N, C-alpha and C. Protein backbone atom coordinates (compact mmCIF):
# COMPACT_ATOMS: atom_id res chain seq x y z
N MET A 1 260.90 -61.71 -170.79
CA MET A 1 260.64 -60.68 -171.77
C MET A 1 261.49 -59.46 -171.44
N THR A 2 262.12 -58.93 -172.46
CA THR A 2 262.94 -57.75 -172.29
C THR A 2 262.18 -56.53 -172.80
N LEU A 3 262.17 -55.50 -172.00
CA LEU A 3 261.55 -54.24 -172.40
C LEU A 3 262.65 -53.22 -172.64
N SER A 4 262.54 -52.48 -173.71
CA SER A 4 263.53 -51.44 -174.00
C SER A 4 263.35 -50.29 -173.01
N LYS A 5 264.36 -49.43 -172.95
CA LYS A 5 264.25 -48.25 -172.09
C LYS A 5 263.06 -47.40 -172.51
N LEU A 6 262.86 -47.26 -173.81
CA LEU A 6 261.76 -46.45 -174.32
C LEU A 6 260.41 -47.02 -173.86
N GLN A 7 260.26 -48.35 -173.93
CA GLN A 7 259.02 -48.98 -173.47
C GLN A 7 258.83 -48.78 -171.97
N ARG A 8 259.91 -48.95 -171.20
CA ARG A 8 259.81 -48.77 -169.75
C ARG A 8 259.50 -47.33 -169.40
N GLN A 9 260.09 -46.38 -170.14
CA GLN A 9 259.79 -44.97 -169.89
C GLN A 9 258.31 -44.69 -170.12
N ARG A 10 257.76 -45.23 -171.17
CA ARG A 10 256.35 -45.03 -171.47
C ARG A 10 255.48 -45.61 -170.35
N ILE A 11 255.79 -46.81 -169.91
CA ILE A 11 255.01 -47.47 -168.85
C ILE A 11 255.10 -46.68 -167.55
N VAL A 12 256.31 -46.26 -167.18
CA VAL A 12 256.48 -45.50 -165.93
C VAL A 12 255.78 -44.16 -166.02
N LYS A 13 255.90 -43.50 -167.16
CA LYS A 13 255.24 -42.20 -167.32
C LYS A 13 253.72 -42.34 -167.20
N GLU A 14 253.16 -43.35 -167.88
CA GLU A 14 251.70 -43.57 -167.80
C GLU A 14 251.27 -43.84 -166.36
N PHE A 15 252.06 -44.62 -165.65
CA PHE A 15 251.74 -44.91 -164.25
C PHE A 15 251.79 -43.63 -163.43
N ALA A 16 252.88 -42.87 -163.57
CA ALA A 16 253.06 -41.65 -162.78
C ALA A 16 251.96 -40.63 -163.06
N VAL A 17 251.56 -40.51 -164.32
CA VAL A 17 250.49 -39.56 -164.67
C VAL A 17 249.21 -39.92 -163.93
N ARG A 18 248.94 -41.22 -163.80
CA ARG A 18 247.73 -41.66 -163.09
C ARG A 18 247.85 -41.52 -161.57
N HIS A 19 249.07 -41.23 -161.08
CA HIS A 19 249.31 -41.15 -159.63
C HIS A 19 249.94 -39.80 -159.25
N ASN A 20 249.33 -38.73 -159.75
CA ASN A 20 249.76 -37.36 -159.39
C ASN A 20 251.24 -37.08 -159.68
N GLY A 21 251.75 -37.64 -160.77
CA GLY A 21 253.13 -37.37 -161.17
C GLY A 21 254.18 -38.12 -160.36
N ARG A 22 253.75 -39.15 -159.64
CA ARG A 22 254.70 -39.90 -158.79
C ARG A 22 254.79 -41.36 -159.22
N TYR A 23 256.02 -41.86 -159.18
CA TYR A 23 256.26 -43.29 -159.41
C TYR A 23 256.62 -43.90 -158.07
N ASN A 24 255.74 -44.70 -157.53
CA ASN A 24 255.97 -45.38 -156.26
C ASN A 24 256.16 -46.86 -156.59
N PRO A 25 257.38 -47.40 -156.41
CA PRO A 25 257.64 -48.79 -156.77
C PRO A 25 256.70 -49.79 -156.12
N SER A 26 256.32 -49.56 -154.86
CA SER A 26 255.40 -50.49 -154.18
C SER A 26 254.03 -50.50 -154.84
N LEU A 27 253.52 -49.29 -155.14
CA LEU A 27 252.22 -49.21 -155.82
C LEU A 27 252.29 -49.78 -157.23
N PHE A 28 253.41 -49.53 -157.90
CA PHE A 28 253.57 -50.04 -159.25
C PHE A 28 253.55 -51.57 -159.24
N LEU A 29 254.32 -52.16 -158.33
CA LEU A 29 254.35 -53.62 -158.23
C LEU A 29 252.97 -54.18 -157.92
N ALA A 30 252.26 -53.54 -157.01
CA ALA A 30 250.90 -53.99 -156.66
C ALA A 30 249.99 -53.93 -157.88
N GLU A 31 250.11 -52.87 -158.66
CA GLU A 31 249.29 -52.75 -159.87
C GLU A 31 249.63 -53.83 -160.89
N VAL A 32 250.90 -54.06 -161.11
CA VAL A 32 251.32 -55.09 -162.07
C VAL A 32 250.80 -56.45 -161.62
N LYS A 33 250.92 -56.73 -160.34
CA LYS A 33 250.46 -58.01 -159.79
C LYS A 33 248.94 -58.15 -159.96
N GLU A 34 248.21 -57.08 -159.67
CA GLU A 34 246.75 -57.10 -159.77
C GLU A 34 246.28 -57.27 -161.22
N VAL A 35 246.89 -56.55 -162.14
CA VAL A 35 246.50 -56.64 -163.55
C VAL A 35 246.92 -57.98 -164.14
N GLY A 36 248.03 -58.48 -163.67
CA GLY A 36 248.51 -59.79 -164.13
C GLY A 36 249.18 -59.72 -165.50
N GLU A 37 249.08 -60.81 -166.23
CA GLU A 37 249.82 -60.94 -167.49
C GLU A 37 249.42 -59.92 -168.55
N LYS A 38 248.29 -59.27 -168.38
CA LYS A 38 247.87 -58.24 -169.33
C LYS A 38 248.66 -56.95 -169.16
N HIS A 39 249.30 -56.79 -168.00
CA HIS A 39 250.10 -55.58 -167.78
C HIS A 39 251.38 -55.69 -168.59
N PRO A 40 251.78 -54.63 -169.31
CA PRO A 40 252.98 -54.71 -170.16
C PRO A 40 254.28 -54.97 -169.40
N ALA A 41 254.30 -54.70 -168.10
CA ALA A 41 255.51 -54.92 -167.32
C ALA A 41 255.51 -56.25 -166.58
N HIS A 42 254.47 -57.03 -166.72
CA HIS A 42 254.33 -58.26 -165.94
C HIS A 42 255.53 -59.20 -166.09
N ALA A 43 255.97 -59.41 -167.30
CA ALA A 43 257.06 -60.36 -167.55
C ALA A 43 258.41 -59.85 -167.03
N TRP A 44 258.49 -58.59 -166.69
CA TRP A 44 259.74 -58.03 -166.15
C TRP A 44 260.06 -58.64 -164.78
N PHE A 45 259.03 -59.04 -164.06
CA PHE A 45 259.17 -59.49 -162.68
C PHE A 45 259.23 -61.01 -162.57
N GLU A 46 259.91 -61.46 -161.53
CA GLU A 46 259.94 -62.88 -161.19
C GLU A 46 258.78 -63.12 -160.24
N TRP A 47 257.82 -63.92 -160.67
CA TRP A 47 256.62 -64.15 -159.86
C TRP A 47 256.69 -65.43 -159.04
N ASP A 48 257.64 -66.30 -159.35
CA ASP A 48 257.86 -67.49 -158.52
C ASP A 48 258.51 -67.01 -157.22
N GLN A 49 257.80 -67.14 -156.12
CA GLN A 49 258.26 -66.57 -154.85
C GLN A 49 259.59 -67.17 -154.38
N SER A 50 259.82 -68.44 -154.64
CA SER A 50 261.09 -69.05 -154.23
C SER A 50 262.25 -68.45 -155.01
N LYS A 51 262.07 -68.30 -156.33
CA LYS A 51 263.13 -67.71 -157.16
C LYS A 51 263.33 -66.24 -156.80
N ALA A 52 262.24 -65.52 -156.56
CA ALA A 52 262.33 -64.11 -156.19
C ALA A 52 263.04 -63.95 -154.84
N ALA A 53 262.73 -64.83 -153.90
CA ALA A 53 263.37 -64.77 -152.58
C ALA A 53 264.86 -65.05 -152.71
N LEU A 54 265.23 -66.03 -153.52
CA LEU A 54 266.65 -66.34 -153.72
C LEU A 54 267.37 -65.16 -154.37
N ALA A 55 266.77 -64.55 -155.37
CA ALA A 55 267.38 -63.39 -156.02
C ALA A 55 267.58 -62.25 -155.02
N HIS A 56 266.60 -62.04 -154.17
CA HIS A 56 266.71 -60.99 -153.14
C HIS A 56 267.81 -61.33 -152.15
N GLN A 57 267.89 -62.59 -151.73
CA GLN A 57 268.93 -62.98 -150.78
C GLN A 57 270.32 -62.88 -151.40
N LEU A 58 270.44 -63.18 -152.70
CA LEU A 58 271.73 -63.00 -153.38
C LEU A 58 272.13 -61.53 -153.39
N GLU A 59 271.17 -60.65 -153.62
CA GLU A 59 271.45 -59.21 -153.59
C GLU A 59 271.84 -58.79 -152.17
N GLN A 60 271.19 -59.37 -151.17
CA GLN A 60 271.56 -59.08 -149.78
C GLN A 60 272.99 -59.55 -149.50
N ALA A 61 273.37 -60.70 -150.04
CA ALA A 61 274.73 -61.22 -149.84
C ALA A 61 275.76 -60.30 -150.52
N ARG A 62 275.41 -59.78 -151.69
CA ARG A 62 276.30 -58.82 -152.36
C ARG A 62 276.44 -57.56 -151.51
N ALA A 63 275.31 -57.06 -151.01
CA ALA A 63 275.32 -55.85 -150.20
C ALA A 63 276.11 -56.05 -148.90
N PHE A 64 276.12 -57.27 -148.38
CA PHE A 64 276.83 -57.58 -147.15
C PHE A 64 278.31 -57.24 -147.28
N ALA A 65 278.89 -57.45 -148.46
CA ALA A 65 280.32 -57.22 -148.68
C ALA A 65 280.61 -55.93 -149.44
N ARG A 66 279.59 -55.32 -150.02
CA ARG A 66 279.79 -54.21 -150.96
C ARG A 66 280.56 -53.03 -150.39
N ASP A 67 280.31 -52.61 -149.18
CA ASP A 67 280.96 -51.40 -148.67
C ASP A 67 282.17 -51.67 -147.78
N LEU A 68 282.65 -52.91 -147.75
CA LEU A 68 283.82 -53.24 -146.94
C LEU A 68 285.08 -52.77 -147.67
N ARG A 69 286.04 -52.25 -146.92
CA ARG A 69 287.24 -51.69 -147.51
C ARG A 69 288.48 -52.31 -146.88
N VAL A 70 289.55 -52.34 -147.64
CA VAL A 70 290.85 -52.74 -147.12
C VAL A 70 291.74 -51.50 -147.16
N THR A 71 292.46 -51.27 -146.08
CA THR A 71 293.35 -50.11 -145.99
C THR A 71 294.78 -50.60 -146.12
N PHE A 72 295.58 -49.85 -146.88
CA PHE A 72 296.97 -50.24 -147.10
C PHE A 72 297.82 -48.98 -147.24
N THR A 73 299.11 -49.17 -147.12
CA THR A 73 300.05 -48.05 -147.22
C THR A 73 300.70 -48.07 -148.59
N VAL A 74 300.79 -46.89 -149.18
CA VAL A 74 301.44 -46.73 -150.48
C VAL A 74 302.69 -45.90 -150.26
N THR A 75 303.81 -46.40 -150.71
CA THR A 75 305.06 -45.67 -150.62
C THR A 75 305.49 -45.29 -152.02
N GLU A 76 305.67 -44.00 -152.24
CA GLU A 76 306.09 -43.51 -153.55
C GLU A 76 307.49 -42.93 -153.42
N ILE A 77 308.39 -43.40 -154.27
CA ILE A 77 309.74 -42.87 -154.29
C ILE A 77 309.89 -42.15 -155.62
N ASN A 78 310.17 -40.85 -155.54
CA ASN A 78 310.23 -40.03 -156.75
C ASN A 78 311.64 -39.98 -157.31
N GLY A 79 311.89 -40.85 -158.26
CA GLY A 79 313.15 -40.84 -159.00
C GLY A 79 314.37 -40.84 -158.11
N GLY A 80 315.41 -40.13 -158.56
CA GLY A 80 316.66 -40.07 -157.81
C GLY A 80 316.68 -38.91 -156.84
N LYS A 81 315.57 -38.28 -156.63
CA LYS A 81 315.51 -37.08 -155.77
C LYS A 81 315.46 -37.45 -154.29
N ARG A 82 315.40 -38.75 -154.02
CA ARG A 82 315.35 -39.24 -152.64
C ARG A 82 314.17 -38.66 -151.86
N ARG A 83 313.10 -38.39 -152.56
CA ARG A 83 311.90 -37.89 -151.89
C ARG A 83 310.96 -39.07 -151.71
N LEU A 84 310.54 -39.27 -150.51
CA LEU A 84 309.69 -40.41 -150.17
C LEU A 84 308.33 -39.87 -149.74
N LYS A 85 307.28 -40.47 -150.27
CA LYS A 85 305.93 -40.05 -149.90
C LYS A 85 305.17 -41.30 -149.47
N VAL A 86 304.64 -41.29 -148.29
CA VAL A 86 303.87 -42.40 -147.77
C VAL A 86 302.45 -41.91 -147.54
N ARG A 87 301.50 -42.67 -148.05
CA ARG A 87 300.10 -42.30 -147.84
C ARG A 87 299.29 -43.56 -147.60
N GLU A 88 298.21 -43.37 -146.92
CA GLU A 88 297.29 -44.48 -146.67
C GLU A 88 296.23 -44.44 -147.77
N SER A 89 295.86 -45.61 -148.26
CA SER A 89 294.85 -45.70 -149.31
C SER A 89 293.89 -46.83 -148.98
N THR A 90 292.74 -46.82 -149.65
CA THR A 90 291.77 -47.88 -149.46
C THR A 90 291.23 -48.33 -150.81
N MET A 91 290.71 -49.51 -150.82
CA MET A 91 289.99 -50.02 -151.98
C MET A 91 289.01 -51.07 -151.47
N PRO A 92 288.07 -51.49 -152.31
CA PRO A 92 287.10 -52.49 -151.84
C PRO A 92 287.81 -53.75 -151.34
N MET A 93 287.27 -54.36 -150.31
CA MET A 93 287.85 -55.59 -149.76
C MET A 93 287.70 -56.75 -150.73
N VAL A 94 286.59 -56.75 -151.47
CA VAL A 94 286.36 -57.76 -152.49
C VAL A 94 285.94 -57.06 -153.78
N ILE A 95 286.33 -57.63 -154.90
CA ILE A 95 285.91 -57.09 -156.20
C ILE A 95 285.31 -58.22 -157.03
N SER A 96 284.40 -57.84 -157.87
CA SER A 96 283.78 -58.79 -158.79
C SER A 96 284.32 -58.48 -160.18
N PRO A 97 285.30 -59.25 -160.64
CA PRO A 97 285.90 -58.97 -161.96
C PRO A 97 284.84 -58.94 -163.06
N ILE A 98 284.88 -57.89 -163.86
CA ILE A 98 283.90 -57.70 -164.92
C ILE A 98 283.89 -58.87 -165.89
N GLN A 99 285.07 -59.38 -166.24
CA GLN A 99 285.14 -60.45 -167.24
C GLN A 99 284.42 -61.72 -166.84
N GLY A 100 284.40 -62.06 -165.58
CA GLY A 100 283.79 -63.33 -165.17
C GLY A 100 282.33 -63.25 -164.78
N ARG A 101 281.75 -62.07 -164.85
CA ARG A 101 280.38 -61.89 -164.34
C ARG A 101 279.33 -62.68 -165.11
N GLN A 102 279.48 -62.80 -166.42
CA GLN A 102 278.47 -63.51 -167.20
C GLN A 102 278.43 -65.00 -166.85
N ASP A 103 279.52 -65.52 -166.32
CA ASP A 103 279.58 -66.93 -165.96
C ASP A 103 279.27 -67.15 -164.48
N GLY A 104 278.76 -66.14 -163.82
CA GLY A 104 278.45 -66.26 -162.39
C GLY A 104 279.54 -65.69 -161.52
N GLY A 105 280.73 -65.60 -162.05
CA GLY A 105 281.89 -64.93 -161.45
C GLY A 105 282.06 -65.03 -159.97
N GLY A 106 281.45 -64.16 -159.23
CA GLY A 106 281.66 -64.08 -157.80
C GLY A 106 282.66 -62.99 -157.49
N TYR A 107 283.15 -62.99 -156.28
CA TYR A 107 284.03 -61.95 -155.79
C TYR A 107 285.40 -62.52 -155.47
N VAL A 108 286.41 -61.66 -155.55
CA VAL A 108 287.79 -62.03 -155.26
C VAL A 108 288.26 -61.16 -154.11
N LEU A 109 288.88 -61.78 -153.11
CA LEU A 109 289.47 -61.02 -152.01
C LEU A 109 290.64 -60.21 -152.58
N VAL A 110 290.64 -58.91 -152.33
CA VAL A 110 291.62 -58.02 -152.93
C VAL A 110 292.97 -58.12 -152.26
N ASP A 111 294.00 -58.13 -153.09
CA ASP A 111 295.37 -57.99 -152.64
C ASP A 111 295.89 -56.68 -153.24
N PRO A 112 296.05 -55.62 -152.45
CA PRO A 112 296.47 -54.34 -153.00
C PRO A 112 297.80 -54.37 -153.74
N LYS A 113 298.62 -55.38 -153.48
CA LYS A 113 299.91 -55.49 -154.19
C LYS A 113 299.77 -56.17 -155.54
N ASN A 114 298.61 -56.75 -155.80
CA ASN A 114 298.37 -57.46 -157.05
C ASN A 114 297.94 -56.46 -158.12
N LEU A 115 298.77 -56.29 -159.15
CA LEU A 115 298.47 -55.31 -160.20
C LEU A 115 297.17 -55.60 -160.92
N SER A 116 296.82 -56.88 -161.10
CA SER A 116 295.56 -57.18 -161.80
C SER A 116 294.37 -56.74 -160.96
N HIS A 117 294.50 -56.78 -159.63
CA HIS A 117 293.42 -56.28 -158.77
C HIS A 117 293.33 -54.76 -158.86
N GLN A 118 294.49 -54.09 -158.88
CA GLN A 118 294.50 -52.64 -159.05
C GLN A 118 293.91 -52.25 -160.40
N ASP A 119 294.26 -53.01 -161.44
CA ASP A 119 293.72 -52.76 -162.79
C ASP A 119 292.20 -52.88 -162.78
N GLU A 120 291.71 -53.93 -162.17
CA GLU A 120 290.26 -54.16 -162.12
C GLU A 120 289.57 -53.03 -161.35
N HIS A 121 290.21 -52.58 -160.28
CA HIS A 121 289.65 -51.47 -159.51
C HIS A 121 289.58 -50.21 -160.37
N CYS A 122 290.63 -49.92 -161.13
CA CYS A 122 290.63 -48.77 -162.04
C CYS A 122 289.56 -48.93 -163.12
N ARG A 123 289.45 -50.12 -163.68
CA ARG A 123 288.46 -50.39 -164.72
C ARG A 123 287.04 -50.15 -164.17
N GLN A 124 286.79 -50.66 -162.99
CA GLN A 124 285.46 -50.49 -162.39
C GLN A 124 285.20 -49.04 -162.01
N ALA A 125 286.24 -48.33 -161.59
CA ALA A 125 286.08 -46.90 -161.29
C ALA A 125 285.69 -46.14 -162.55
N ALA A 126 286.32 -46.48 -163.68
CA ALA A 126 285.99 -45.83 -164.95
C ALA A 126 284.55 -46.14 -165.35
N VAL A 127 284.14 -47.40 -165.20
CA VAL A 127 282.76 -47.78 -165.52
C VAL A 127 281.78 -47.00 -164.64
N GLY A 128 282.10 -46.89 -163.35
CA GLY A 128 281.25 -46.16 -162.42
C GLY A 128 281.15 -44.68 -162.78
N LEU A 129 282.27 -44.07 -163.14
CA LEU A 129 282.25 -42.66 -163.53
C LEU A 129 281.43 -42.45 -164.80
N ARG A 130 281.59 -43.35 -165.75
CA ARG A 130 280.82 -43.23 -167.00
C ARG A 130 279.31 -43.42 -166.73
N ALA A 131 278.98 -44.32 -165.83
CA ALA A 131 277.57 -44.51 -165.45
C ALA A 131 277.05 -43.25 -164.76
N TRP A 132 277.87 -42.68 -163.89
CA TRP A 132 277.48 -41.45 -163.21
C TRP A 132 277.25 -40.34 -164.22
N LEU A 133 278.16 -40.22 -165.18
CA LEU A 133 278.00 -39.21 -166.23
C LEU A 133 276.73 -39.44 -167.03
N GLY A 134 276.43 -40.70 -167.32
CA GLY A 134 275.22 -41.01 -168.07
C GLY A 134 273.97 -40.52 -167.34
N ARG A 135 274.02 -40.54 -166.04
CA ARG A 135 272.86 -40.11 -165.26
C ARG A 135 272.87 -38.61 -164.95
N TYR A 136 274.07 -38.03 -164.70
CA TYR A 136 274.12 -36.68 -164.16
C TYR A 136 274.81 -35.63 -165.04
N ALA A 137 275.23 -35.98 -166.24
CA ALA A 137 275.94 -35.01 -167.10
C ALA A 137 275.11 -33.74 -167.32
N ASP A 138 273.84 -33.89 -167.57
CA ASP A 138 273.01 -32.70 -167.80
C ASP A 138 272.88 -31.84 -166.56
N ALA A 139 272.91 -32.44 -165.38
CA ALA A 139 272.85 -31.66 -164.14
C ALA A 139 274.14 -30.84 -163.99
N VAL A 140 275.28 -31.45 -164.33
CA VAL A 140 276.55 -30.73 -164.26
C VAL A 140 276.52 -29.54 -165.22
N LYS A 141 276.03 -29.77 -166.42
CA LYS A 141 275.94 -28.69 -167.41
C LYS A 141 274.94 -27.63 -166.97
N HIS A 142 273.87 -28.04 -166.30
CA HIS A 142 272.84 -27.13 -165.83
C HIS A 142 273.41 -26.09 -164.86
N VAL A 143 274.38 -26.50 -164.06
CA VAL A 143 274.98 -25.55 -163.11
C VAL A 143 276.20 -24.85 -163.70
N GLY A 144 276.37 -25.01 -165.02
CA GLY A 144 277.41 -24.25 -165.71
C GLY A 144 278.80 -24.84 -165.69
N HIS A 145 278.90 -26.12 -165.48
CA HIS A 145 280.21 -26.76 -165.47
C HIS A 145 280.33 -27.77 -166.60
N SER A 146 281.54 -28.12 -166.88
CA SER A 146 281.83 -29.08 -167.95
C SER A 146 282.01 -30.47 -167.36
N THR A 147 281.62 -31.46 -168.13
CA THR A 147 281.85 -32.85 -167.71
C THR A 147 283.23 -33.34 -168.16
N GLN A 148 283.95 -32.50 -168.88
CA GLN A 148 285.24 -32.92 -169.44
C GLN A 148 286.23 -33.45 -168.40
N PRO A 149 286.38 -32.81 -167.23
CA PRO A 149 287.33 -33.37 -166.26
C PRO A 149 286.96 -34.80 -165.82
N ILE A 150 285.67 -35.07 -165.69
CA ILE A 150 285.25 -36.41 -165.29
C ILE A 150 285.48 -37.39 -166.43
N GLU A 151 285.19 -36.96 -167.65
CA GLU A 151 285.44 -37.80 -168.83
C GLU A 151 286.94 -38.11 -168.94
N GLU A 152 287.78 -37.10 -168.70
CA GLU A 152 289.24 -37.30 -168.75
C GLU A 152 289.70 -38.26 -167.66
N LEU A 153 289.12 -38.13 -166.48
CA LEU A 153 289.48 -39.03 -165.37
C LEU A 153 289.10 -40.47 -165.70
N ALA A 154 287.90 -40.67 -166.26
CA ALA A 154 287.48 -42.02 -166.65
C ALA A 154 288.43 -42.58 -167.70
N ALA A 155 288.81 -41.77 -168.67
CA ALA A 155 289.73 -42.22 -169.72
C ALA A 155 291.10 -42.55 -169.11
N LEU A 156 291.56 -41.74 -168.17
CA LEU A 156 292.84 -41.99 -167.51
C LEU A 156 292.82 -43.31 -166.75
N LEU A 157 291.73 -43.56 -166.04
CA LEU A 157 291.60 -44.83 -165.30
C LEU A 157 291.61 -46.02 -166.26
N GLU A 158 290.89 -45.92 -167.37
CA GLU A 158 290.88 -47.00 -168.37
C GLU A 158 292.27 -47.20 -168.95
N GLN A 159 292.93 -46.09 -169.26
CA GLN A 159 294.27 -46.16 -169.85
C GLN A 159 295.25 -46.79 -168.87
N ARG A 160 295.16 -46.41 -167.62
CA ARG A 160 296.05 -46.96 -166.59
C ARG A 160 295.85 -48.46 -166.45
N ALA A 161 294.61 -48.90 -166.44
CA ALA A 161 294.31 -50.33 -166.33
C ALA A 161 294.90 -51.08 -167.52
N LEU A 162 294.78 -50.51 -168.71
CA LEU A 162 295.34 -51.16 -169.91
C LEU A 162 296.87 -51.18 -169.87
N MET A 163 297.49 -50.08 -169.45
CA MET A 163 298.95 -50.00 -169.38
C MET A 163 299.49 -51.04 -168.40
N ASP A 164 298.87 -51.10 -167.22
CA ASP A 164 299.33 -52.06 -166.21
C ASP A 164 299.13 -53.50 -166.70
N ALA A 165 298.02 -53.76 -167.40
CA ALA A 165 297.77 -55.11 -167.90
C ALA A 165 298.83 -55.49 -168.93
N LYS A 166 299.21 -54.56 -169.80
CA LYS A 166 300.24 -54.85 -170.81
C LYS A 166 301.60 -55.07 -170.14
N ALA A 167 301.91 -54.27 -169.12
CA ALA A 167 303.18 -54.41 -168.43
C ALA A 167 303.27 -55.74 -167.71
N ALA A 168 302.15 -56.22 -167.21
CA ALA A 168 302.12 -57.49 -166.47
C ALA A 168 302.26 -58.70 -167.39
N SER A 169 301.87 -58.53 -168.66
CA SER A 169 301.93 -59.70 -169.56
C SER A 169 303.22 -59.82 -170.30
């Protein structure tokens, strides 16, 4: 069963109101389990312990590789000016291409020289920035700043990924 964000907001708010304005995931899960199928959030959870354990272990396997990085050297030569700039850069050691995720996808070991890997990294960076904006845009505005630079950066990353993909084909 799929619950909309509005339905989940209502359920979480009702729970928090009954618990001094706090949403405690452990208490919430215990309540859903105790109430059983009559609880509106019951179908959201996997109650088969074997399936739930496997899902948790898959998330642990993702987390095992999530923060690993590969370090590489980038050499930039600026036109005919004979100016050379060398810098060290990093990117995730493995990436999960967005396109293959619905089919189970998995992760690909990154090759920093592979333009399609760089494109995917840019695409995922843009998705991450847009997700961050979705969560924190109002906080940025609250402290008197604009989200425009972040929006421009996300657009630049998307544009770069598209340009490199076209150049590669």
